[in-house]
Amino acid sequence: MRLPETIPAGARIVVRTYAGLDPHTGRQQYRDVVGHVRSWDGTTLEMTRDAAANGSRPAQDVSIDATSIAILKPVPERPRRR
């Protein structure tokens, strides 16, 4: 996949990363990270991963190497709760 040269800070995106091969089937596995971009220099994506909607996981800062990115796309903001 060709990655963008710039990604604006604050953009909400989903990043699908390669997570290795399944030992039983041999199929490629993936892991998705949804959150807001802190910075992108073309080699490392720094982002704040969103907290789980059900509260099971807090927000966390993550660094993703460009070579591990399979797919990257924008996603809309979550609706605000009343």
Protein backbone atom coordinates (compact mmCIF):
# COMPACT_ATOMS: atom_id res chain seq x y z
CA MET A 1 0.00 0.00 0.00
CA ARG A 2 1.23 3.49 -0.80
CA LEU A 3 1.10 5.58 2.36
CA PRO A 4 0.29 9.31 2.34
CA GLU A 5 3.12 11.84 2.61
CA THR A 6 1.24 13.84 5.24
CA ILE A 7 -1.45 13.01 7.76
CA PRO A 8 -2.82 15.96 9.73
CA ALA A 9 -2.46 15.84 13.50
CA GLY A 10 -5.81 15.22 15.14
CA ALA A 11 -7.22 13.19 12.23
CA ARG A 12 -9.17 10.11 13.37
CA ILE A 13 -8.08 7.04 11.42
CA VAL A 14 -8.13 3.26 11.46
CA VAL A 15 -4.82 1.51 10.83
CA ARG A 16 -4.75 -2.20 9.95
CA THR A 17 -1.36 -3.72 10.77
CA TYR A 18 0.14 -7.09 9.92
CA ALA A 19 0.07 -9.39 12.98
CA GLY A 20 1.85 -12.44 11.54
CA LEU A 21 0.63 -15.76 10.23
CA ASP A 22 -1.91 -17.97 11.98
CA PRO A 23 0.04 -21.09 13.05
CA HIS A 24 -2.88 -23.41 12.26
CA THR A 25 -4.14 -22.07 8.92
CA GLY A 26 -1.09 -20.20 7.63
CA ARG A 27 -3.28 -17.20 6.80
CA GLN A 28 -2.16 -13.63 7.42
CA GLN A 29 -3.60 -12.08 10.58
CA TYR A 30 -4.25 -8.38 11.16
CA ARG A 31 -4.77 -6.04 14.11
CA ASP A 32 -6.76 -2.80 13.87
CA VAL A 33 -5.99 0.40 15.77
CA VAL A 34 -8.50 3.27 15.80
CA GLY A 35 -7.52 6.65 17.15
CA HIS A 36 -6.21 10.16 16.57
CA VAL A 37 -2.93 10.99 14.88
CA ARG A 38 -0.32 12.80 16.95
CA SER A 39 2.39 12.82 14.26
CA TRP A 40 3.51 11.14 11.03
CA ASP A 41 7.01 11.44 9.57
CA GLY A 42 6.68 8.87 6.79
CA THR A 43 8.31 6.08 8.81
CA THR A 44 6.52 6.08 12.18
CA LEU A 45 2.90 6.89 12.95
CA GLU A 46 2.33 8.22 16.46
CA MET A 47 -1.28 8.11 17.56
CA THR A 48 -3.54 7.99 20.58
CA ARG A 49 -5.64 4.84 20.43
CA ASP A 50 -9.29 5.41 21.37
CA ALA A 51 -10.57 3.95 24.60
CA ALA A 52 -12.91 0.99 24.16
CA ALA A 53 -16.55 2.08 23.93
CA ASN A 54 -17.51 -0.33 26.71
CA GLY A 55 -14.77 0.93 29.04
CA SER A 56 -12.73 -2.29 28.96
CA ARG A 57 -9.57 -0.56 27.65
CA PRO A 58 -8.35 2.98 28.35
CA ALA A 59 -6.94 5.27 25.67
CA GLN A 60 -3.24 4.69 25.04
CA ASP A 61 -0.39 6.17 23.01
CA VAL A 62 0.97 3.86 20.30
CA SER A 63 3.78 4.00 17.72
CA ILE A 64 3.29 2.09 14.48
CA ASP A 65 6.15 1.41 12.06
CA ALA A 66 5.24 2.19 8.44
CA THR A 67 6.41 -1.25 7.27
CA SER A 68 3.73 -2.93 9.41
CA ILE A 69 0.81 -0.89 7.97
CA ALA A 70 -1.48 -2.83 5.60
CA ILE A 71 -4.36 -0.33 5.33
CA LEU A 72 -4.91 3.20 6.59
CA LYS A 73 -8.15 5.16 6.21
CA PRO A 74 -10.08 7.98 7.87
CA VAL A 75 -13.06 7.22 10.09
CA PRO A 76 -15.72 9.57 11.48
CA GLU A 77 -15.69 10.76 15.06
CA ARG A 78 -17.78 8.83 17.58
CA PRO A 79 -21.16 10.39 18.35
CA ARG A 80 -21.18 12.37 21.57
CA ARG A 81 -23.11 10.83 24.47
CA ARG A 82 -25.64 12.99 26.27
